Amino acid sequence: WGCPPSKFPWTYSSKETCYLLEGKVKVYLDGSNDFVEIGAGDLVEFPKGMSCTWEVSVAVDKHYKFETLK
């Protein structure tokens, strides 16, 4: 998945694991001014139900996997 510099809200409908190949993103939890910055080489997990805003400062290219229920 890729994305140019932008800012957008996102809610995770299931747990996502992603590995950033390129880019830089500030992830703000809804209702907070605090953020976590992730970038190329980072492996992160986002829990199901998390709502946040992605602020992409450097174009992103990532691999990702959503958890599927069996």
N, C-alpha and C. Protein backbone atom coordinates (compact mmCIF):
# COMPACT_ATOMS: atom_id res chain seq x y z
N TRP A 1 0.85 -1.16 0.00
CA TRP A 1 0.00 0.00 0.00
C TRP A 1 0.89 1.22 0.00
N GLY A 2 0.53 2.21 -0.76
CA GLY A 2 1.29 3.44 -0.81
C GLY A 2 0.40 4.65 -0.63
N CYS A 3 1.02 5.75 -0.20
CA CYS A 3 0.27 6.97 0.06
C CYS A 3 1.20 8.17 -0.05
N PRO A 4 0.79 9.22 -0.78
CA PRO A 4 1.60 10.44 -0.83
C PRO A 4 1.42 11.23 0.46
N PRO A 5 2.21 12.28 0.67
CA PRO A 5 2.00 13.13 1.85
C PRO A 5 0.53 13.57 1.93
N SER A 6 -0.06 13.37 3.10
CA SER A 6 -1.47 13.68 3.31
C SER A 6 -1.80 13.53 4.79
N LYS A 7 -3.05 13.84 5.14
CA LYS A 7 -3.53 13.69 6.51
C LYS A 7 -4.95 13.15 6.43
N PHE A 8 -5.23 12.06 7.19
CA PHE A 8 -6.55 11.45 7.11
C PHE A 8 -6.86 10.65 8.38
N PRO A 9 -8.15 10.56 8.74
CA PRO A 9 -8.54 9.75 9.89
C PRO A 9 -8.63 8.28 9.50
N TRP A 10 -8.44 7.38 10.48
CA TRP A 10 -8.54 5.96 10.21
C TRP A 10 -8.98 5.24 11.48
N THR A 11 -9.85 4.24 11.31
CA THR A 11 -10.25 3.35 12.40
C THR A 11 -9.98 1.92 11.96
N TYR A 12 -9.34 1.16 12.83
CA TYR A 12 -8.96 -0.21 12.50
C TYR A 12 -10.10 -1.17 12.85
N SER A 13 -10.64 -1.84 11.84
CA SER A 13 -11.73 -2.79 12.05
C SER A 13 -11.21 -4.16 12.50
N SER A 14 -9.92 -4.37 12.34
CA SER A 14 -9.24 -5.56 12.88
C SER A 14 -7.78 -5.19 13.13
N LYS A 15 -7.07 -6.04 13.87
CA LYS A 15 -5.67 -5.75 14.16
C LYS A 15 -4.86 -5.74 12.87
N GLU A 16 -4.01 -4.73 12.72
CA GLU A 16 -3.14 -4.65 11.55
C GLU A 16 -1.68 -4.69 12.00
N THR A 17 -0.89 -5.49 11.30
CA THR A 17 0.56 -5.48 11.46
C THR A 17 1.11 -4.90 10.17
N CYS A 18 1.97 -3.90 10.29
CA CYS A 18 2.54 -3.32 9.07
C CYS A 18 4.03 -3.04 9.22
N TYR A 19 4.70 -3.12 8.08
CA TYR A 19 6.14 -2.87 7.98
C TYR A 19 6.33 -1.76 6.96
N LEU A 20 6.89 -0.64 7.41
CA LEU A 20 7.12 0.48 6.51
C LEU A 20 8.41 0.30 5.73
N LEU A 21 8.27 0.24 4.42
CA LEU A 21 9.43 0.14 3.53
C LEU A 21 10.04 1.52 3.29
N GLU A 22 9.16 2.50 3.17
CA GLU A 22 9.58 3.89 2.92
C GLU A 22 8.59 4.82 3.62
N GLY A 23 9.06 6.03 3.91
CA GLY A 23 8.17 7.06 4.39
C GLY A 23 8.31 7.42 5.85
N LYS A 24 7.47 8.38 6.25
CA LYS A 24 7.44 8.84 7.63
C LYS A 24 6.02 9.30 7.94
N VAL A 25 5.49 8.86 9.09
CA VAL A 25 4.11 9.13 9.49
C VAL A 25 4.05 9.48 10.97
N LYS A 26 3.26 10.48 11.30
CA LYS A 26 2.89 10.74 12.69
C LYS A 26 1.48 10.19 12.86
N VAL A 27 1.29 9.33 13.87
CA VAL A 27 -0.01 8.74 14.16
C VAL A 27 -0.51 9.35 15.47
N TYR A 28 -1.64 10.08 15.38
CA TYR A 28 -2.26 10.73 16.54
C TYR A 28 -3.48 9.93 16.98
N LEU A 29 -3.53 9.51 18.24
CA LEU A 29 -4.73 8.86 18.76
C LEU A 29 -5.85 9.89 18.83
N ASP A 30 -7.06 9.48 18.50
CA ASP A 30 -8.20 10.39 18.59
C ASP A 30 -8.29 10.98 19.99
N GLY A 31 -8.54 12.30 20.05
CA GLY A 31 -8.69 12.98 21.33
C GLY A 31 -7.38 13.35 21.99
N SER A 32 -6.26 13.20 21.29
CA SER A 32 -4.95 13.50 21.88
C SER A 32 -4.09 14.31 20.92
N ASN A 33 -3.24 15.16 21.49
CA ASN A 33 -2.26 15.88 20.68
C ASN A 33 -0.93 15.13 20.63
N ASP A 34 -0.83 14.04 21.40
CA ASP A 34 0.37 13.21 21.40
C ASP A 34 0.38 12.33 20.16
N PHE A 35 1.56 12.03 19.69
CA PHE A 35 1.68 11.19 18.50
C PHE A 35 2.86 10.24 18.64
N VAL A 36 2.84 9.21 17.80
CA VAL A 36 3.97 8.31 17.64
C VAL A 36 4.42 8.46 16.20
N GLU A 37 5.72 8.66 15.99
CA GLU A 37 6.24 8.77 14.63
C GLU A 37 6.84 7.44 14.23
N ILE A 38 6.42 6.96 13.06
CA ILE A 38 6.97 5.72 12.52
C ILE A 38 7.57 6.01 11.15
N GLY A 39 8.56 5.20 10.79
CA GLY A 39 9.24 5.44 9.52
C GLY A 39 9.79 4.16 8.93
N ALA A 40 10.50 4.32 7.82
CA ALA A 40 11.07 3.20 7.08
C ALA A 40 11.82 2.26 8.03
N GLY A 41 11.52 0.96 7.91
CA GLY A 41 12.17 -0.04 8.74
C GLY A 41 11.41 -0.39 10.00
N ASP A 42 10.35 0.35 10.32
CA ASP A 42 9.57 0.08 11.53
C ASP A 42 8.51 -0.98 11.28
N LEU A 43 8.36 -1.88 12.25
CA LEU A 43 7.30 -2.88 12.24
C LEU A 43 6.36 -2.51 13.39
N VAL A 44 5.09 -2.29 13.10
CA VAL A 44 4.14 -1.85 14.12
C VAL A 44 2.84 -2.64 14.05
N GLU A 45 2.16 -2.70 15.19
CA GLU A 45 0.82 -3.30 15.26
C GLU A 45 -0.15 -2.25 15.73
N PHE A 46 -1.31 -2.22 15.09
CA PHE A 46 -2.39 -1.34 15.48
C PHE A 46 -3.55 -2.22 15.94
N PRO A 47 -4.05 -2.00 17.16
CA PRO A 47 -5.10 -2.88 17.68
C PRO A 47 -6.46 -2.63 17.04
N LYS A 48 -7.27 -3.67 17.00
CA LYS A 48 -8.64 -3.57 16.52
C LYS A 48 -9.38 -2.51 17.33
N GLY A 49 -10.11 -1.64 16.64
CA GLY A 49 -10.90 -0.61 17.29
C GLY A 49 -10.19 0.71 17.50
N MET A 50 -8.89 0.76 17.25
CA MET A 50 -8.14 2.00 17.43
C MET A 50 -8.56 3.04 16.38
N SER A 51 -8.84 4.26 16.84
CA SER A 51 -9.14 5.38 15.94
C SER A 51 -8.03 6.39 16.06
N CYS A 52 -7.56 6.87 14.91
CA CYS A 52 -6.42 7.77 14.90
C CYS A 52 -6.44 8.63 13.65
N THR A 53 -5.47 9.53 13.57
CA THR A 53 -5.24 10.31 12.36
C THR A 53 -3.82 10.06 11.91
N TRP A 54 -3.68 9.74 10.64
CA TRP A 54 -2.36 9.58 10.03
C TRP A 54 -1.97 10.89 9.38
N GLU A 55 -0.79 11.40 9.72
CA GLU A 55 -0.22 12.58 9.08
C GLU A 55 1.06 12.12 8.37
N VAL A 56 0.95 11.91 7.07
CA VAL A 56 2.05 11.39 6.27
C VAL A 56 2.90 12.56 5.79
N SER A 57 4.16 12.64 6.26
CA SER A 57 5.03 13.75 5.86
C SER A 57 5.95 13.36 4.71
N VAL A 58 6.28 12.06 4.60
CA VAL A 58 7.09 11.54 3.51
C VAL A 58 6.32 10.34 2.94
N ALA A 59 6.14 10.31 1.63
CA ALA A 59 5.34 9.26 0.98
C ALA A 59 5.64 7.88 1.54
N VAL A 60 4.57 7.12 1.81
CA VAL A 60 4.65 5.82 2.46
C VAL A 60 4.50 4.69 1.45
N ASP A 61 5.29 3.65 1.67
CA ASP A 61 5.13 2.36 0.99
C ASP A 61 5.24 1.33 2.10
N LYS A 62 4.21 0.50 2.25
CA LYS A 62 4.23 -0.45 3.35
C LYS A 62 3.64 -1.79 2.94
N HIS A 63 4.06 -2.82 3.66
CA HIS A 63 3.41 -4.13 3.60
C HIS A 63 2.54 -4.21 4.84
N TYR A 64 1.38 -4.86 4.72
CA TYR A 64 0.50 -4.96 5.88
C TYR A 64 -0.29 -6.27 5.84
N LYS A 65 -0.79 -6.63 7.02
CA LYS A 65 -1.65 -7.80 7.15
C LYS A 65 -2.68 -7.51 8.20
N PHE A 66 -3.95 -7.73 7.85
CA PHE A 66 -5.03 -7.61 8.82
C PHE A 66 -5.29 -8.99 9.41
N GLU A 67 -5.52 -9.03 10.72
CA GLU A 67 -5.85 -10.28 11.38
C GLU A 67 -7.23 -10.74 10.91
N THR A 68 -7.33 -12.00 10.58
CA THR A 68 -8.62 -12.56 10.17
C THR A 68 -9.10 -13.53 11.23
N LEU A 69 -10.39 -13.52 11.46
CA LEU A 69 -10.97 -14.43 12.44
C LEU A 69 -11.24 -15.77 11.79
N LYS A 70 -10.98 -16.82 12.52
CA LYS A 70 -11.20 -18.17 11.98
C LYS A 70 -12.37 -18.82 12.66
